[in-house]
Amino acid sequence: MGFSTSGATAILFVGVLVAVGIAYPVVQTAHEERTRAMDDRDDRALEMRNTAIDLETASYDGSELTVNATNTGSSTLTVPATDLLVDGAFVADGEWTGTVVNGTTGRELWQPGETLSITVTTDDRPDRLKLVTEYGIAETTTEVS
């Protein structure tokens, strides 16, 4: 074996080491990101399984609509992440006249077993209401008294 063969082998070996040295951190980071994403997905799925609401009453008095719902699951929900649809139209959190959680105004956490009351000013009597939690769990009613 001559020097040219040994030299070429050494150059190829160094090239392989450099390539592996560059590729390994990239592969390691990609694996960590994938693992983190799978853990986040599993956490969201668990929260979805532990979330349940009961849309108890919806009443309209000619100018204001009041919706009462109870958190019947075991997940703590946030009021700003809860969405309300009135006759298929999204009513943003900023358009709500007020919210009350278990008799206390201004609370943002909606604990299991507590009742959330949302008040919205509207001119028309709604036919259909839908309340959606931050985890996508929804409850719909067509009974507005």
Foldseek 3Di string as FASTA:
>chain_A
DDPVVVVVVVVVVVVVVVVCVVVVVVVVVVVVVVVVVVVVVVVLVVLVVQWDKDFDAWEDDQWKIKTKMATQGQDKFFPQLKWKAFQNHTDHPVQWPFKDKQNHTPDGIRGHGIMIMIMGTDRDDTQKMKMATNSGDIDMDRDYD
